[in-house]
Amino acid sequence: MRAKRISVSTAIDRETLPQFYQRIRNGGTRKLLRSLQELAEEFGVPHKTLQAKLARCKGAPKPIYSTGRQQRNTWYDPQEVRAWWAAMTKEQA
């Protein structure tokens, strides 16, 4: 039996094929989440700046998943954060 060829969504959403198959086996398709650090690198700002803006701005997306004491590790839906970031930077321009 040959494995089907599956294209991973985008270059930003880096998921290897074994990770994809593991995710499907463990409960189906789920949204790929991004950490605060990964999103800050994508936007070209320090993660402390992005963290402060997410905490202070109205309408900022909330983390989908948090772990650790005082929410040290937080993961966000990248599409929500990208849309919010684009709207926020458009307002400031």
N, C-alpha and C. Protein backbone atom coordinates (compact mmCIF):
# COMPACT_ATOMS: atom_id res chain seq x y z
N MET A 1 0.84 -1.18 0.00
CA MET A 1 0.00 0.00 0.00
C MET A 1 0.88 1.24 0.00
N ARG A 2 0.66 2.12 -0.96
CA ARG A 2 1.47 3.32 -1.07
C ARG A 2 0.86 4.44 -0.24
N ALA A 3 1.74 5.22 0.34
CA ALA A 3 1.28 6.37 1.13
C ALA A 3 0.86 7.49 0.19
N LYS A 4 -0.18 8.18 0.57
CA LYS A 4 -0.63 9.32 -0.22
C LYS A 4 0.33 10.48 -0.05
N ARG A 5 0.50 11.24 -1.08
CA ARG A 5 1.34 12.42 -1.01
C ARG A 5 0.48 13.56 -0.47
N ILE A 6 0.94 14.18 0.60
CA ILE A 6 0.18 15.23 1.25
C ILE A 6 1.04 16.48 1.29
N SER A 7 0.48 17.58 0.86
CA SER A 7 1.22 18.84 0.92
C SER A 7 0.90 19.52 2.24
N VAL A 8 1.93 20.00 2.90
CA VAL A 8 1.76 20.73 4.14
C VAL A 8 1.31 22.14 3.78
N SER A 9 0.43 22.73 4.59
CA SER A 9 -0.30 23.95 4.21
C SER A 9 0.57 25.08 3.68
N THR A 10 1.49 25.62 4.48
CA THR A 10 2.33 26.72 4.01
C THR A 10 3.72 26.55 4.57
N ALA A 11 4.63 27.35 4.09
CA ALA A 11 6.00 27.30 4.58
C ALA A 11 6.07 27.76 6.03
N ILE A 12 5.17 28.67 6.42
CA ILE A 12 5.18 29.17 7.80
C ILE A 12 4.69 28.08 8.76
N ASP A 13 3.69 27.33 8.35
CA ASP A 13 3.16 26.26 9.18
C ASP A 13 3.99 25.00 8.93
N ARG A 14 5.18 24.96 9.49
CA ARG A 14 6.10 23.85 9.24
C ARG A 14 5.67 22.63 10.06
N GLU A 15 5.27 21.61 9.37
CA GLU A 15 4.89 20.35 10.00
C GLU A 15 5.43 19.24 9.12
N THR A 16 6.22 18.36 9.71
CA THR A 16 6.77 17.27 8.94
C THR A 16 5.68 16.23 8.69
N LEU A 17 5.93 15.37 7.74
CA LEU A 17 4.95 14.34 7.42
C LEU A 17 4.72 13.39 8.60
N PRO A 18 5.77 12.93 9.30
CA PRO A 18 5.50 12.10 10.48
C PRO A 18 4.68 12.82 11.55
N GLN A 19 4.93 14.12 11.74
CA GLN A 19 4.12 14.88 12.70
C GLN A 19 2.67 14.95 12.25
N PHE A 20 2.46 15.11 10.95
CA PHE A 20 1.11 15.15 10.40
C PHE A 20 0.38 13.84 10.69
N TYR A 21 1.03 12.71 10.37
CA TYR A 21 0.40 11.40 10.60
C TYR A 21 0.14 11.16 12.08
N GLN A 22 1.07 11.58 12.94
CA GLN A 22 0.89 11.42 14.39
C GLN A 22 -0.31 12.24 14.85
N ARG A 23 -0.44 13.46 14.34
CA ARG A 23 -1.56 14.32 14.72
C ARG A 23 -2.88 13.71 14.29
N ILE A 24 -2.94 13.14 13.11
CA ILE A 24 -4.17 12.50 12.62
C ILE A 24 -4.51 11.29 13.48
N ARG A 25 -3.51 10.48 13.82
CA ARG A 25 -3.76 9.30 14.65
C ARG A 25 -4.23 9.68 16.05
N ASN A 26 -3.77 10.81 16.57
CA ASN A 26 -4.09 11.19 17.94
C ASN A 26 -5.33 12.06 18.06
N GLY A 27 -6.24 11.96 17.16
CA GLY A 27 -7.50 12.67 17.36
C GLY A 27 -7.93 13.53 16.21
N GLY A 28 -7.40 13.30 15.07
CA GLY A 28 -7.88 14.05 13.92
C GLY A 28 -7.14 15.35 13.70
N THR A 29 -7.67 16.11 12.78
CA THR A 29 -7.01 17.36 12.44
C THR A 29 -7.30 18.40 13.50
N ARG A 30 -6.30 19.13 13.84
CA ARG A 30 -6.40 20.22 14.80
C ARG A 30 -5.68 21.41 14.22
N LYS A 31 -6.01 22.58 14.73
CA LYS A 31 -5.33 23.78 14.27
C LYS A 31 -3.87 23.72 14.70
N LEU A 32 -3.00 24.15 13.83
CA LEU A 32 -1.59 24.27 14.20
C LEU A 32 -1.43 25.56 14.97
N LEU A 33 -0.88 25.48 16.16
CA LEU A 33 -0.71 26.65 16.99
C LEU A 33 0.74 27.12 16.93
N ARG A 34 0.96 28.37 17.23
CA ARG A 34 2.29 28.95 17.24
C ARG A 34 2.55 29.57 18.60
N SER A 35 3.79 29.45 19.04
CA SER A 35 4.16 30.06 20.32
C SER A 35 4.34 31.56 20.13
N LEU A 36 4.38 32.26 21.23
CA LEU A 36 4.57 33.70 21.20
C LEU A 36 5.91 34.05 20.55
N GLN A 37 6.94 33.28 20.86
CA GLN A 37 8.27 33.52 20.30
C GLN A 37 8.26 33.36 18.77
N GLU A 38 7.61 32.33 18.28
CA GLU A 38 7.54 32.10 16.83
C GLU A 38 6.80 33.22 16.12
N LEU A 39 5.71 33.69 16.71
CA LEU A 39 4.95 34.78 16.11
C LEU A 39 5.74 36.08 16.13
N ALA A 40 6.46 36.33 17.22
CA ALA A 40 7.28 37.54 17.31
C ALA A 40 8.37 37.53 16.24
N GLU A 41 9.00 36.38 16.01
CA GLU A 41 10.00 36.27 14.96
C GLU A 41 9.39 36.53 13.59
N GLU A 42 8.19 36.03 13.37
CA GLU A 42 7.51 36.23 12.09
C GLU A 42 7.22 37.72 11.84
N PHE A 43 6.83 38.45 12.89
CA PHE A 43 6.50 39.87 12.75
C PHE A 43 7.73 40.76 12.85
N GLY A 44 8.86 40.22 13.27
CA GLY A 44 10.09 41.00 13.36
C GLY A 44 10.13 41.94 14.56
N VAL A 45 9.52 41.53 15.66
CA VAL A 45 9.53 42.34 16.88
C VAL A 45 10.01 41.45 18.04
N PRO A 46 10.54 42.05 19.11
CA PRO A 46 10.89 41.24 20.28
C PRO A 46 9.66 40.61 20.90
N HIS A 47 9.83 39.42 21.47
CA HIS A 47 8.65 38.73 22.01
C HIS A 47 8.05 39.48 23.19
N LYS A 48 8.83 40.24 23.93
CA LYS A 48 8.30 41.03 25.05
C LYS A 48 7.35 42.12 24.53
N THR A 49 7.69 42.70 23.38
CA THR A 49 6.83 43.73 22.78
C THR A 49 5.49 43.13 22.36
N LEU A 50 5.55 41.99 21.69
CA LEU A 50 4.31 41.33 21.26
C LEU A 50 3.49 40.90 22.47
N GLN A 51 4.15 40.39 23.49
CA GLN A 51 3.46 39.96 24.71
C GLN A 51 2.75 41.15 25.36
N ALA A 52 3.41 42.30 25.42
CA ALA A 52 2.81 43.49 26.02
C ALA A 52 1.60 43.97 25.20
N LYS A 53 1.72 43.96 23.89
CA LYS A 53 0.61 44.41 23.04
C LYS A 53 -0.57 43.46 23.15
N LEU A 54 -0.32 42.16 23.22
CA LEU A 54 -1.41 41.20 23.38
C LEU A 54 -2.11 41.37 24.72
N ALA A 55 -1.36 41.76 25.74
CA ALA A 55 -1.94 41.92 27.07
C ALA A 55 -2.73 43.22 27.20
N ARG A 56 -2.30 44.28 26.50
CA ARG A 56 -2.89 45.60 26.72
C ARG A 56 -3.94 46.02 25.70
N CYS A 57 -3.83 45.55 24.48
CA CYS A 57 -4.73 46.03 23.43
C CYS A 57 -6.09 45.35 23.51
N LYS A 58 -7.12 46.14 23.28
CA LYS A 58 -8.47 45.59 23.25
C LYS A 58 -8.64 44.80 21.96
N GLY A 59 -9.35 43.71 22.04
CA GLY A 59 -9.61 42.89 20.86
C GLY A 59 -8.45 41.97 20.49
N ALA A 60 -7.43 41.92 21.33
CA ALA A 60 -6.29 41.03 21.05
C ALA A 60 -6.72 39.58 21.25
N PRO A 61 -6.23 38.67 20.41
CA PRO A 61 -6.61 37.27 20.57
C PRO A 61 -6.07 36.68 21.87
N LYS A 62 -6.84 35.80 22.45
CA LYS A 62 -6.43 35.11 23.67
C LYS A 62 -5.69 33.83 23.30
N PRO A 63 -4.78 33.37 24.17
CA PRO A 63 -4.08 32.12 23.86
C PRO A 63 -5.04 30.94 23.83
N ILE A 64 -4.78 30.01 22.93
CA ILE A 64 -5.59 28.80 22.82
C ILE A 64 -5.18 27.81 23.90
N TYR A 65 -3.88 27.77 24.19
CA TYR A 65 -3.35 26.80 25.13
C TYR A 65 -2.24 27.43 25.93
N SER A 66 -2.25 27.25 27.24
CA SER A 66 -1.21 27.79 28.11
C SER A 66 -0.74 26.72 29.07
N THR A 67 0.54 26.71 29.33
CA THR A 67 1.10 25.79 30.31
C THR A 67 2.09 26.54 31.18
N GLY A 68 2.43 25.96 32.27
CA GLY A 68 3.44 26.54 33.14
C GLY A 68 2.85 27.52 34.11
N ARG A 69 3.65 27.81 35.10
CA ARG A 69 3.24 28.77 36.11
C ARG A 69 3.22 30.16 35.49
N GLN A 70 2.24 30.92 35.78
CA GLN A 70 2.05 32.29 35.27
C GLN A 70 2.00 32.32 33.75
N GLN A 71 1.50 31.27 33.14
CA GLN A 71 1.33 31.17 31.70
C GLN A 71 2.63 31.48 30.95
N ARG A 72 3.71 30.83 31.34
CA ARG A 72 5.00 31.07 30.69
C ARG A 72 5.01 30.59 29.24
N ASN A 73 4.32 29.53 28.95
CA ASN A 73 4.27 28.99 27.60
C ASN A 73 2.85 29.14 27.08
N THR A 74 2.69 29.96 26.05
CA THR A 74 1.37 30.18 25.49
C THR A 74 1.41 29.95 23.99
N TRP A 75 0.34 29.38 23.47
CA TRP A 75 0.23 29.11 22.04
C TRP A 75 -1.04 29.77 21.52
N TYR A 76 -0.90 30.38 20.35
CA TYR A 76 -1.99 31.13 19.73
C TYR A 76 -2.33 30.54 18.37
N ASP A 77 -3.55 30.84 17.92
CA ASP A 77 -3.95 30.52 16.55
C ASP A 77 -3.26 31.54 15.65
N PRO A 78 -2.36 31.11 14.77
CA PRO A 78 -1.59 32.09 13.98
C PRO A 78 -2.46 32.94 13.06
N GLN A 79 -3.54 32.41 12.55
CA GLN A 79 -4.40 33.19 11.66
C GLN A 79 -5.06 34.35 12.40
N GLU A 80 -5.51 34.10 13.63
CA GLU A 80 -6.14 35.15 14.43
C GLU A 80 -5.13 36.25 14.75
N VAL A 81 -3.92 35.83 15.15
CA VAL A 81 -2.91 36.81 15.54
C VAL A 81 -2.45 37.62 14.32
N ARG A 82 -2.30 36.96 13.17
CA ARG A 82 -1.89 37.68 11.96
C ARG A 82 -2.95 38.72 11.57
N ALA A 83 -4.22 38.36 11.65
CA ALA A 83 -5.29 39.30 11.31
C ALA A 83 -5.30 40.47 12.29
N TRP A 84 -5.15 40.18 13.57
CA TRP A 84 -5.11 41.24 14.59
C TRP A 84 -3.91 42.14 14.38
N TRP A 85 -2.74 41.55 14.10
CA TRP A 85 -1.52 42.33 13.90
C TRP A 85 -1.66 43.24 12.68
N ALA A 86 -2.22 42.71 11.60
CA ALA A 86 -2.40 43.53 10.39
C ALA A 86 -3.34 44.70 10.66
N ALA A 87 -4.43 44.46 11.38
CA ALA A 87 -5.37 45.54 11.72
C ALA A 87 -4.72 46.57 12.63
N MET A 88 -3.92 46.10 13.58
CA MET A 88 -3.29 47.01 14.53
C MET A 88 -2.23 47.87 13.85
N THR A 89 -1.43 47.28 12.99
CA THR A 89 -0.39 48.05 12.30
C THR A 89 -1.01 49.00 11.28
N LYS A 90 -2.14 48.61 10.71
CA LYS A 90 -2.84 49.48 9.77
C LYS A 90 -3.40 50.71 10.49
N GLU A 91 -3.90 50.52 11.72
CA GLU A 91 -4.42 51.62 12.53
C GLU A 91 -3.32 52.62 12.85
N GLN A 92 -2.13 52.12 13.18
CA GLN A 92 -1.03 52.99 13.60
C GLN A 92 -0.42 53.74 12.42
N ALA A 93 -0.59 53.23 11.22
CA ALA A 93 0.02 53.88 10.04
C ALA A 93 -0.75 55.07 9.57
